Each structure stands twice: as structure tokens, then as C-alpha cells.
Amino acid sequence: MKSYKIKMLPLAKIDLSEIIDYLSDFSETVALNQYDKIIEKINGLKQFPLLYEEVRVGASEFRYRRIVVDNYLVFYVVFEDYVEIHRIIHSKMDTSKI
């Protein structure tokens, strides 16, 4: 079975860091659990990158896919041998403005 590499763009890393920082203000346990859930789903893309639905995001040339992790959305693109994580945002955010 083919294994894909995961590449997280700098903006996605910032998104994840901001999510964890925000949640840490309320509960470190909740923040760490959310981090673990998001990373677990992302790591699952190594084996099954096409598992999640494809979504249209504005006029982008990319064919985005989206993972729903609790209240967060992970947007990513599948390439020939790697998966690129572009953004991790709260589900209530307006994706057309991002």
C-alpha cells in the first residue's frame, strides 16, 4: 500500500498553534486532546488521502478536500506522493473570506 508524506504549510501550522493557544486559555487538557485529534486525522491521510470529501473553495485552482474534526475543518490537497495541509479553521468561519 502506498504511503503519502504529509506537508503542513506554514499558515496551517499557525492555524493549529492559534487553536491550541486559544483552547489552552480555558483548559490545557481540552487543548491537548483537540491537538491529538487533529494530528491523528491528518496522519491518517498517509494511508487514505482520498477518504474525505472534495470541496470547492472559491476560485482556487486546487482540488481541496476537507476533514471535519469536532468544530474544526482541515483543508488539504492530494498530490502524487504527498498531502499538503493548507488551513485548519473553526467550522463557523466563512471559508470564502479565507
PDB file of N, CA and C in Angstrom:
ATOM      1  N   MET A   1       0.849  -1.182   0.000  1.00  0.00           N
ATOM      2  CA  MET A   1       0.000   0.000   0.000  1.00  0.00           C
ATOM      3  C   MET A   1       0.889   1.237   0.000  1.00  0.00           C
ATOM      4  N   LYS A   2       0.549   2.166  -0.844  1.00  0.00           N
ATOM      5  CA  LYS A   2       1.311   3.408  -0.959  1.00  0.00           C
ATOM      6  C   LYS A   2       1.145   4.267   0.290  1.00  0.00           C
ATOM      7  N   SER A   3       2.233   4.892   0.713  1.00  0.00           N
ATOM      8  CA  SER A   3       2.186   5.792   1.859  1.00  0.00           C
ATOM      9  C   SER A   3       2.552   7.200   1.391  1.00  0.00           C
ATOM     10  N   TYR A   4       1.684   8.141   1.686  1.00  0.00           N
ATOM     11  CA  TYR A   4       1.894   9.537   1.309  1.00  0.00           C
ATOM     12  C   TYR A   4       2.629  10.271   2.428  1.00  0.00           C
ATOM     13  N   LYS A   5       3.427  11.239   2.042  1.00  0.00           N
ATOM     14  CA  LYS A   5       4.059  12.116   3.028  1.00  0.00           C
ATOM     15  C   LYS A   5       3.089  13.247   3.340  1.00  0.00           C
ATOM     16  N   ILE A   6       3.219  13.797   4.521  1.00  0.00           N
ATOM     17  CA  ILE A   6       2.382  14.916   4.928  1.00  0.00           C
ATOM     18  C   ILE A   6       3.253  16.171   4.985  1.00  0.00           C
ATOM     19  N   LYS A   7       2.808  17.218   4.303  1.00  0.00           N
ATOM     20  CA  LYS A   7       3.473  18.521   4.369  1.00  0.00           C
ATOM     21  C   LYS A   7       2.454  19.525   4.881  1.00  0.00           C
ATOM     22  N   MET A   8       2.796  20.184   5.967  1.00  0.00           N
ATOM     23  CA  MET A   8       1.897  21.193   6.520  1.00  0.00           C
ATOM     24  C   MET A   8       2.454  22.569   6.187  1.00  0.00           C
ATOM     25  N   LEU A   9       1.675  23.349   5.458  1.00  0.00           N
ATOM     26  CA  LEU A   9       2.121  24.695   5.095  1.00  0.00           C
ATOM     27  C   LEU A   9       2.247  25.560   6.349  1.00  0.00           C
ATOM     28  N   PRO A  10       3.121  26.571   6.298  1.00  0.00           N
ATOM     29  CA  PRO A  10       3.315  27.441   7.470  1.00  0.00           C
ATOM     30  C   PRO A  10       2.012  28.037   8.009  1.00  0.00           C
ATOM     31  N   LEU A  11       1.097  28.420   7.129  1.00  0.00           N
ATOM     32  CA  LEU A  11      -0.161  29.002   7.581  1.00  0.00           C
ATOM     33  C   LEU A  11      -0.993  27.981   8.370  1.00  0.00           C
ATOM     34  N   ALA A  12      -0.965  26.727   7.959  1.00  0.00           N
ATOM     35  CA  ALA A  12      -1.687  25.676   8.685  1.00  0.00           C
ATOM     36  C   ALA A  12      -1.059  25.453  10.059  1.00  0.00           C
ATOM     37  N   LYS A  13       0.256  25.542  10.125  1.00  0.00           N
ATOM     38  CA  LYS A  13       0.934  25.404  11.425  1.00  0.00           C
ATOM     39  C   LYS A  13       0.527  26.545  12.357  1.00  0.00           C
ATOM     40  N   ILE A  14       0.434  27.739  11.801  1.00  0.00           N
ATOM     41  CA  ILE A  14      -0.001  28.893  12.590  1.00  0.00           C
ATOM     42  C   ILE A  14      -1.446  28.683  13.046  1.00  0.00           C
ATOM     43  N   ASP A  15      -2.304  28.226  12.129  1.00  0.00           N
ATOM     44  CA  ASP A  15      -3.698  27.959  12.488  1.00  0.00           C
ATOM     45  C   ASP A  15      -3.778  27.007  13.678  1.00  0.00           C
ATOM     46  N   LEU A  16      -3.052  25.900  13.596  1.00  0.00           N
ATOM     47  CA  LEU A  16      -3.088  24.893  14.654  1.00  0.00           C
ATOM     48  C   LEU A  16      -2.567  25.465  15.964  1.00  0.00           C
ATOM     49  N   SER A  17      -1.495  26.205  15.897  1.00  0.00           N
ATOM     50  CA  SER A  17      -0.926  26.822  17.094  1.00  0.00           C
ATOM     51  C   SER A  17      -1.914  27.783  17.745  1.00  0.00           C
ATOM     52  N   GLU A  18      -2.592  28.580  16.932  1.00  0.00           N
ATOM     53  CA  GLU A  18      -3.571  29.538  17.464  1.00  0.00           C
ATOM     54  C   GLU A  18      -4.770  28.829  18.090  1.00  0.00           C
ATOM     55  N   ILE A  19      -5.204  27.737  17.485  1.00  0.00           N
ATOM     56  CA  ILE A  19      -6.307  26.954  18.049  1.00  0.00           C
ATOM     57  C   ILE A  19      -5.922  26.425  19.423  1.00  0.00           C
ATOM     58  N   ILE A  20      -4.738  25.851  19.510  1.00  0.00           N
ATOM     59  CA  ILE A  20      -4.284  25.266  20.773  1.00  0.00           C
ATOM     60  C   ILE A  20      -4.065  26.352  21.824  1.00  0.00           C
ATOM     61  N   ASP A  21      -3.484  27.478  21.422  1.00  0.00           N
ATOM     62  CA  ASP A  21      -3.296  28.587  22.366  1.00  0.00           C
ATOM     63  C   ASP A  21      -4.642  29.077  22.903  1.00  0.00           C
ATOM     64  N   TYR A  22      -5.612  29.220  22.023  1.00  0.00           N
ATOM     65  CA  TYR A  22      -6.939  29.687  22.431  1.00  0.00           C
ATOM     66  C   TYR A  22      -7.578  28.703  23.413  1.00  0.00           C
ATOM     67  N   LEU A  23      -7.561  27.427  23.068  1.00  0.00           N
ATOM     68  CA  LEU A  23      -8.177  26.420  23.937  1.00  0.00           C
ATOM     69  C   LEU A  23      -7.438  26.284  25.270  1.00  0.00           C
ATOM     70  N   SER A  24      -6.138  26.522  25.257  1.00  0.00           N
ATOM     71  CA  SER A  24      -5.338  26.433  26.490  1.00  0.00           C
ATOM     72  C   SER A  24      -5.762  27.471  27.523  1.00  0.00           C
ATOM     73  N   ASP A  25      -6.303  28.593  27.043  1.00  0.00           N
ATOM     74  CA  ASP A  25      -6.790  29.617  27.967  1.00  0.00           C
ATOM     75  C   ASP A  25      -7.932  29.092  28.837  1.00  0.00           C
ATOM     76  N   PHE A  26      -8.630  28.087  28.333  1.00  0.00           N
ATOM     77  CA  PHE A  26      -9.760  27.514  29.060  1.00  0.00           C
ATOM     78  C   PHE A  26      -9.395  26.212  29.769  1.00  0.00           C
ATOM     79  N   SER A  27      -8.637  25.357  29.054  1.00  0.00           N
ATOM     80  CA  SER A  27      -8.270  24.063  29.619  1.00  0.00           C
ATOM     81  C   SER A  27      -7.120  23.454  28.820  1.00  0.00           C
ATOM     82  N   GLU A  28      -6.027  23.194  29.500  1.00  0.00           N
ATOM     83  CA  GLU A  28      -4.891  22.562  28.817  1.00  0.00           C
ATOM     84  C   GLU A  28      -5.247  21.159  28.341  1.00  0.00           C
ATOM     85  N   THR A  29      -6.048  20.467  29.127  1.00  0.00           N
ATOM     86  CA  THR A  29      -6.448  19.111  28.757  1.00  0.00           C
ATOM     87  C   THR A  29      -7.262  19.121  27.463  1.00  0.00           C
ATOM     88  N   VAL A  30      -8.214  20.031  27.379  1.00  0.00           N
ATOM     89  CA  VAL A  30      -9.033  20.155  26.166  1.00  0.00           C
ATOM     90  C   VAL A  30      -8.145  20.511  24.975  1.00  0.00           C
ATOM     91  N   ALA A  31      -7.226  21.437  25.171  1.00  0.00           N
ATOM     92  CA  ALA A  31      -6.325  21.857  24.089  1.00  0.00           C
ATOM     93  C   ALA A  31      -5.484  20.681  23.591  1.00  0.00           C
ATOM     94  N   LEU A  32      -4.907  19.932  24.513  1.00  0.00           N
ATOM     95  CA  LEU A  32      -4.077  18.785  24.120  1.00  0.00           C
ATOM     96  C   LEU A  32      -4.898  17.701  23.444  1.00  0.00           C
ATOM     97  N   ASN A  33      -6.110  17.453  23.947  1.00  0.00           N
ATOM     98  CA  ASN A  33      -6.979  16.453  23.313  1.00  0.00           C
ATOM     99  C   ASN A  33      -7.354  16.866  21.899  1.00  0.00           C
ATOM    100  N   GLN A  34      -7.653  18.163  21.707  1.00  0.00           N
ATOM    101  CA  GLN A  34      -8.016  18.640  20.369  1.00  0.00           C
ATOM    102  C   GLN A  34      -6.824  18.529  19.423  1.00  0.00           C
ATOM    103  N   TYR A  35      -5.649  18.899  19.923  1.00  0.00           N
ATOM    104  CA  TYR A  35      -4.429  18.763  19.116  1.00  0.00           C
ATOM    105  C   TYR A  35      -4.246  17.314  18.676  1.00  0.00           C
ATOM    106  N   ASP A  36      -4.367  16.396  19.626  1.00  0.00           N
ATOM    107  CA  ASP A  36      -4.195  14.973  19.314  1.00  0.00           C
ATOM    108  C   ASP A  36      -5.191  14.497  18.264  1.00  0.00           C
ATOM    109  N   LYS A  37      -6.453  14.919  18.375  1.00  0.00           N
ATOM    110  CA  LYS A  37      -7.475  14.515  17.409  1.00  0.00           C
ATOM    111  C   LYS A  37      -7.157  15.023  16.008  1.00  0.00           C
ATOM    112  N   ILE A  38      -6.766  16.289  15.925  1.00  0.00           N
ATOM    113  CA  ILE A  38      -6.456  16.879  14.618  1.00  0.00           C
ATOM    114  C   ILE A  38      -5.251  16.179  13.990  1.00  0.00           C
ATOM    115  N   ILE A  39      -4.204  15.989  14.769  1.00  0.00           N
ATOM    116  CA  ILE A  39      -2.988  15.336  14.248  1.00  0.00           C
ATOM    117  C   ILE A  39      -3.266  13.888  13.861  1.00  0.00           C
ATOM    118  N   GLU A  40      -4.086  13.201  14.635  1.00  0.00           N
ATOM    119  CA  GLU A  40      -4.438  11.808  14.313  1.00  0.00           C
ATOM    120  C   GLU A  40      -5.143  11.728  12.961  1.00  0.00           C
ATOM    121  N   LYS A  41      -6.092  12.634  12.724  1.00  0.00           N
ATOM    122  CA  LYS A  41      -6.800  12.652  11.438  1.00  0.00           C
ATOM    123  C   LYS A  41      -5.852  12.983  10.289  1.00  0.00           C
ATOM    124  N   ILE A  42      -4.976  13.953  10.511  1.00  0.00           N
ATOM    125  CA  ILE A  42      -4.004  14.321   9.474  1.00  0.00           C
ATOM    126  C   ILE A  42      -3.081  13.142   9.180  1.00  0.00           C
ATOM    127  N   ASN A  43      -2.595  12.476  10.200  1.00  0.00           N
ATOM    128  CA  ASN A  43      -1.707  11.327   9.996  1.00  0.00           C
ATOM    129  C   ASN A  43      -2.405  10.183   9.267  1.00  0.00           C
ATOM    130  N   GLY A  44      -3.719  10.072   9.423  1.00  0.00           N
ATOM    131  CA  GLY A  44      -4.474   9.054   8.702  1.00  0.00           C
ATOM    132  C   GLY A  44      -4.439   9.257   7.190  1.00  0.00           C
ATOM    133  N   LEU A  45      -4.134  10.475   6.772  1.00  0.00           N
ATOM    134  CA  LEU A  45      -4.038  10.771   5.336  1.00  0.00           C
ATOM    135  C   LEU A  45      -2.851  10.080   4.680  1.00  0.00           C
ATOM    136  N   LYS A  46      -1.891   9.644   5.473  1.00  0.00           N
ATOM    137  CA  LYS A  46      -0.729   8.939   4.909  1.00  0.00           C
ATOM    138  C   LYS A  46      -1.166   7.691   4.154  1.00  0.00           C
ATOM    139  N   GLN A  47      -2.191   7.025   4.641  1.00  0.00           N
ATOM    140  CA  GLN A  47      -2.682   5.802   4.009  1.00  0.00           C
ATOM    141  C   GLN A  47      -3.941   6.026   3.166  1.00  0.00           C
ATOM    142  N   PHE A  48      -4.787   6.961   3.585  1.00  0.00           N
ATOM    143  CA  PHE A  48      -6.082   7.149   2.923  1.00  0.00           C
ATOM    144  C   PHE A  48      -6.355   8.621   2.604  1.00  0.00           C
ATOM    145  N   PRO A  49      -5.579   9.228   1.699  1.00  0.00           N
ATOM    146  CA  PRO A  49      -5.738  10.663   1.433  1.00  0.00           C
ATOM    147  C   PRO A  49      -7.034  11.025   0.707  1.00  0.00           C
ATOM    148  N   LEU A  50      -7.666  10.070   0.057  1.00  0.00           N
ATOM    149  CA  LEU A  50      -8.880  10.363  -0.700  1.00  0.00           C
ATOM    150  C   LEU A  50     -10.148  10.026   0.085  1.00  0.00           C
ATOM    151  N   LEU A  51      -9.992   9.702   1.352  1.00  0.00           N
ATOM    152  CA  LEU A  51     -11.120   9.286   2.188  1.00  0.00           C
ATOM    153  C   LEU A  51     -12.157  10.387   2.373  1.00  0.00           C
ATOM    154  N   TYR A  52     -11.722  11.618   2.447  1.00  0.00           N
ATOM    155  CA  TYR A  52     -12.622  12.723   2.774  1.00  0.00           C
ATOM    156  C   TYR A  52     -13.118  13.432   1.527  1.00  0.00           C
ATOM    157  N   GLU A  53     -14.233  14.126   1.684  1.00  0.00           N
ATOM    158  CA  GLU A  53     -14.910  14.746   0.550  1.00  0.00           C
ATOM    159  C   GLU A  53     -14.097  15.868  -0.092  1.00  0.00           C
ATOM    160  N   GLU A  54     -14.285  15.994  -1.382  1.00  0.00           N
ATOM    161  CA  GLU A  54     -13.682  17.096  -2.131  1.00  0.00           C
ATOM    162  C   GLU A  54     -14.646  18.270  -2.069  1.00  0.00           C
ATOM    163  N   VAL A  55     -14.099  19.459  -1.846  1.00  0.00           N
ATOM    164  CA  VAL A  55     -14.938  20.658  -1.742  1.00  0.00           C
ATOM    165  C   VAL A  55     -14.388  21.751  -2.648  1.00  0.00           C
ATOM    166  N   ARG A  56     -15.283  22.583  -3.101  1.00  0.00           N
ATOM    167  CA  ARG A  56     -14.896  23.738  -3.926  1.00  0.00           C
ATOM    168  C   ARG A  56     -14.632  24.906  -2.977  1.00  0.00           C
ATOM    169  N   VAL A  57     -13.475  25.532  -3.139  1.00  0.00           N
ATOM    170  CA  VAL A  57     -13.112  26.670  -2.299  1.00  0.00           C
ATOM    171  C   VAL A  57     -12.815  27.848  -3.216  1.00  0.00           C
ATOM    172  N   GLY A  58     -13.798  28.741  -3.340  1.00  0.00           N
ATOM    173  CA  GLY A  58     -13.621  29.933  -4.165  1.00  0.00           C
ATOM    174  C   GLY A  58     -13.203  29.600  -5.579  1.00  0.00           C
ATOM    175  N   ALA A  59     -12.326  30.422  -6.114  1.00  0.00           N
ATOM    176  CA  ALA A  59     -11.839  30.230  -7.483  1.00  0.00           C
ATOM    177  C   ALA A  59     -10.472  29.551  -7.488  1.00  0.00           C
ATOM    178  N   SER A  60     -10.162  28.832  -6.445  1.00  0.00           N
ATOM    179  CA  SER A  60      -8.860  28.190  -6.320  1.00  0.00           C
ATOM    180  C   SER A  60      -8.645  27.142  -7.412  1.00  0.00           C
ATOM    181  N   GLU A  61      -7.408  27.029  -7.851  1.00  0.00           N
ATOM    182  CA  GLU A  61      -7.066  26.011  -8.840  1.00  0.00           C
ATOM    183  C   GLU A  61      -6.864  24.645  -8.182  1.00  0.00           C
ATOM    184  N   PHE A  62      -6.793  24.623  -6.863  1.00  0.00           N
ATOM    185  CA  PHE A  62      -6.582  23.370  -6.143  1.00  0.00           C
ATOM    186  C   PHE A  62      -7.885  22.595  -5.996  1.00  0.00           C
ATOM    187  N   ARG A  63      -7.752  21.282  -5.913  1.00  0.00           N
ATOM    188  CA  ARG A  63      -8.885  20.404  -5.626  1.00  0.00           C
ATOM    189  C   ARG A  63      -8.798  20.055  -4.146  1.00  0.00           C
ATOM    190  N   TYR A  64      -9.418  20.886  -3.341  1.00  0.00           N
ATOM    191  CA  TYR A  64      -9.342  20.722  -1.892  1.00  0.00           C
ATOM    192  C   TYR A  64     -10.202  19.574  -1.404  1.00  0.00           C
ATOM    193  N   ARG A  65      -9.737  18.977  -0.331  1.00  0.00           N
ATOM    194  CA  ARG A  65     -10.515  18.010   0.429  1.00  0.00           C
ATOM    195  C   ARG A  65     -10.614  18.558   1.842  1.00  0.00           C
ATOM    196  N   ARG A  66     -11.605  18.070   2.581  1.00  0.00           N
ATOM    197  CA  ARG A  66     -11.850  18.635   3.900  1.00  0.00           C
ATOM    198  C   ARG A  66     -12.110  17.524   4.915  1.00  0.00           C
ATOM    199  N   ILE A  67     -11.418  17.646   6.054  1.00  0.00           N
ATOM    200  CA  ILE A  67     -11.662  16.760   7.191  1.00  0.00           C
ATOM    201  C   ILE A  67     -12.392  17.585   8.240  1.00  0.00           C
ATOM    202  N   VAL A  68     -13.433  17.012   8.823  1.00  0.00           N
ATOM    203  CA  VAL A  68     -14.121  17.644   9.936  1.00  0.00           C
ATOM    204  C   VAL A  68     -13.625  16.963  11.209  1.00  0.00           C
ATOM    205  N   VAL A  69     -13.060  17.777  12.113  1.00  0.00           N
ATOM    206  CA  VAL A  69     -12.591  17.281  13.408  1.00  0.00           C
ATOM    207  C   VAL A  69     -13.260  18.138  14.476  1.00  0.00           C
ATOM    208  N   ASP A  70     -14.328  17.599  15.044  1.00  0.00           N
ATOM    209  CA  ASP A  70     -15.123  18.351  16.012  1.00  0.00           C
ATOM    210  C   ASP A  70     -15.567  19.677  15.377  1.00  0.00           C
ATOM    211  N   ASN A  71     -15.138  20.807  15.946  1.00  0.00           N
ATOM    212  CA  ASN A  71     -15.541  22.112  15.418  1.00  0.00           C
ATOM    213  C   ASN A  71     -14.539  22.700  14.431  1.00  0.00           C
ATOM    214  N   TYR A  72     -13.617  21.901  13.951  1.00  0.00           N
ATOM    215  CA  TYR A  72     -12.550  22.411  13.083  1.00  0.00           C
ATOM    216  C   TYR A  72     -12.554  21.711  11.731  1.00  0.00           C
ATOM    217  N   LEU A  73     -12.098  22.443  10.736  1.00  0.00           N
ATOM    218  CA  LEU A  73     -12.006  21.934   9.366  1.00  0.00           C
ATOM    219  C   LEU A  73     -10.548  21.964   8.937  1.00  0.00           C
ATOM    220  N   VAL A  74     -10.088  20.865   8.402  1.00  0.00           N
ATOM    221  CA  VAL A  74      -8.725  20.771   7.872  1.00  0.00           C
ATOM    222  C   VAL A  74      -8.847  20.704   6.353  1.00  0.00           C
ATOM    223  N   PHE A  75      -8.301  21.690   5.672  1.00  0.00           N
ATOM    224  CA  PHE A  75      -8.320  21.725   4.213  1.00  0.00           C
ATOM    225  C   PHE A  75      -6.976  21.267   3.685  1.00  0.00           C
ATOM    226  N   TYR A  76      -7.019  20.346   2.731  1.00  0.00           N
ATOM    227  CA  TYR A  76      -5.778  19.790   2.202  1.00  0.00           C
ATOM    228  C   TYR A  76      -5.910  19.450   0.723  1.00  0.00           C
ATOM    229  N   VAL A  77      -4.757  19.244   0.091  1.00  0.00           N
ATOM    230  CA  VAL A  77      -4.683  18.905  -1.323  1.00  0.00           C
ATOM    231  C   VAL A  77      -3.828  17.649  -1.450  1.00  0.00           C
ATOM    232  N   VAL A  78      -4.270  16.730  -2.296  1.00  0.00           N
ATOM    233  CA  VAL A  78      -3.534  15.496  -2.532  1.00  0.00           C
ATOM    234  C   VAL A  78      -2.734  15.640  -3.820  1.00  0.00           C
ATOM    235  N   PHE A  79      -1.445  15.380  -3.718  1.00  0.00           N
ATOM    236  CA  PHE A  79      -0.561  15.364  -4.878  1.00  0.00           C
ATOM    237  C   PHE A  79      -0.126  13.926  -5.129  1.00  0.00           C
ATOM    238  N   GLU A  80       0.748  13.716  -6.080  1.00  0.00           N
ATOM    239  CA  GLU A  80       1.121  12.365  -6.484  1.00  0.00           C
ATOM    240  C   GLU A  80       1.670  11.514  -5.337  1.00  0.00           C
ATOM    241  N   ASP A  81       2.544  12.087  -4.525  1.00  0.00           N
ATOM    242  CA  ASP A  81       3.132  11.281  -3.448  1.00  0.00           C
ATOM    243  C   ASP A  81       3.116  11.973  -2.091  1.00  0.00           C
ATOM    244  N   TYR A  82       2.377  13.061  -1.986  1.00  0.00           N
ATOM    245  CA  TYR A  82       2.266  13.732  -0.690  1.00  0.00           C
ATOM    246  C   TYR A  82       0.933  14.451  -0.562  1.00  0.00           C
ATOM    247  N   VAL A  83       0.607  14.767   0.686  1.00  0.00           N
ATOM    248  CA  VAL A  83      -0.598  15.518   1.025  1.00  0.00           C
ATOM    249  C   VAL A  83      -0.145  16.832   1.631  1.00  0.00           C
ATOM    250  N   GLU A  84      -0.719  17.920   1.169  1.00  0.00           N
ATOM    251  CA  GLU A  84      -0.339  19.246   1.648  1.00  0.00           C
ATOM    252  C   GLU A  84      -1.501  19.838   2.444  1.00  0.00           C
ATOM    253  N   ILE A  85      -1.259  20.110   3.728  1.00  0.00           N
ATOM    254  CA  ILE A  85      -2.258  20.702   4.594  1.00  0.00           C
ATOM    255  C   ILE A  85      -2.178  22.220   4.423  1.00  0.00           C
ATOM    256  N   HIS A  86      -3.282  22.822   4.010  1.00  0.00           N
ATOM    257  CA  HIS A  86      -3.282  24.262   3.727  1.00  0.00           C
ATOM    258  C   HIS A  86      -3.812  25.101   4.880  1.00  0.00           C
ATOM    259  N   ARG A  87      -4.939  24.712   5.463  1.00  0.00           N
ATOM    260  CA  ARG A  87      -5.533  25.506   6.539  1.00  0.00           C
ATOM    261  C   ARG A  87      -6.227  24.594   7.533  1.00  0.00           C
ATOM    262  N   ILE A  88      -6.309  25.069   8.780  1.00  0.00           N
ATOM    263  CA  ILE A  88      -7.092  24.428   9.834  1.00  0.00           C
ATOM    264  C   ILE A  88      -7.878  25.548  10.494  1.00  0.00           C
ATOM    265  N   ILE A  89      -9.190  25.533  10.302  1.00  0.00           N
ATOM    266  CA  ILE A  89     -10.002  26.657  10.760  1.00  0.00           C
ATOM    267  C   ILE A  89     -11.217  26.171  11.552  1.00  0.00           C
ATOM    268  N   HIS A  90     -11.811  27.096  12.290  1.00  0.00           N
ATOM    269  CA  HIS A  90     -13.048  26.786  13.005  1.00  0.00           C
ATOM    270  C   HIS A  90     -14.172  26.675  11.983  1.00  0.00           C
ATOM    271  N   SER A  91     -15.075  25.741  12.197  1.00  0.00           N
ATOM    272  CA  SER A  91     -16.137  25.481  11.222  1.00  0.00           C
ATOM    273  C   SER A  91     -17.112  26.642  11.046  1.00  0.00           C
ATOM    274  N   LYS A  92     -17.154  27.573  11.999  1.00  0.00           N
ATOM    275  CA  LYS A  92     -18.064  28.713  11.879  1.00  0.00           C
ATOM    276  C   LYS A  92     -17.468  29.859  11.069  1.00  0.00           C
ATOM    277  N   MET A  93     -16.196  29.742  10.710  1.00  0.00           N
ATOM    278  CA  MET A  93     -15.568  30.791   9.915  1.00  0.00           C
ATOM    279  C   MET A  93     -16.102  30.741   8.480  1.00  0.00           C
ATOM    280  N   ASP A  94     -16.170  31.895   7.855  1.00  0.00           N
ATOM    281  CA  ASP A  94     -16.611  32.000   6.478  1.00  0.00           C
ATOM    282  C   ASP A  94     -15.428  31.643   5.576  1.00  0.00           C
ATOM    283  N   THR A  95     -15.474  30.457   4.981  1.00  0.00           N
ATOM    284  CA  THR A  95     -14.347  29.993   4.160  1.00  0.00           C
ATOM    285  C   THR A  95     -14.135  30.838   2.916  1.00  0.00           C
ATOM    286  N   SER A  96     -15.153  31.561   2.475  1.00  0.00           N
ATOM    287  CA  SER A  96     -14.982  32.400   1.291  1.00  0.00           C
ATOM    288  C   SER A  96     -14.083  33.598   1.559  1.00  0.00           C
ATOM    289  N   LYS A  97     -13.879  33.935   2.831  1.00  0.00           N
ATOM    290  CA  LYS A  97     -13.041  35.080   3.180  1.00  0.00           C
ATOM    291  C   LYS A  97     -11.624  34.667   3.587  1.00  0.00           C
ATOM    292  N   ILE A  98     -11.350  33.398   3.499  1.00  0.00           N
ATOM    293  CA  ILE A  98     -10.031  32.916   3.936  1.00  0.00           C
ATOM    294  C   ILE A  98      -9.194  32.558   2.720  1.00  0.00           C
TER     295      ILE A  98
END
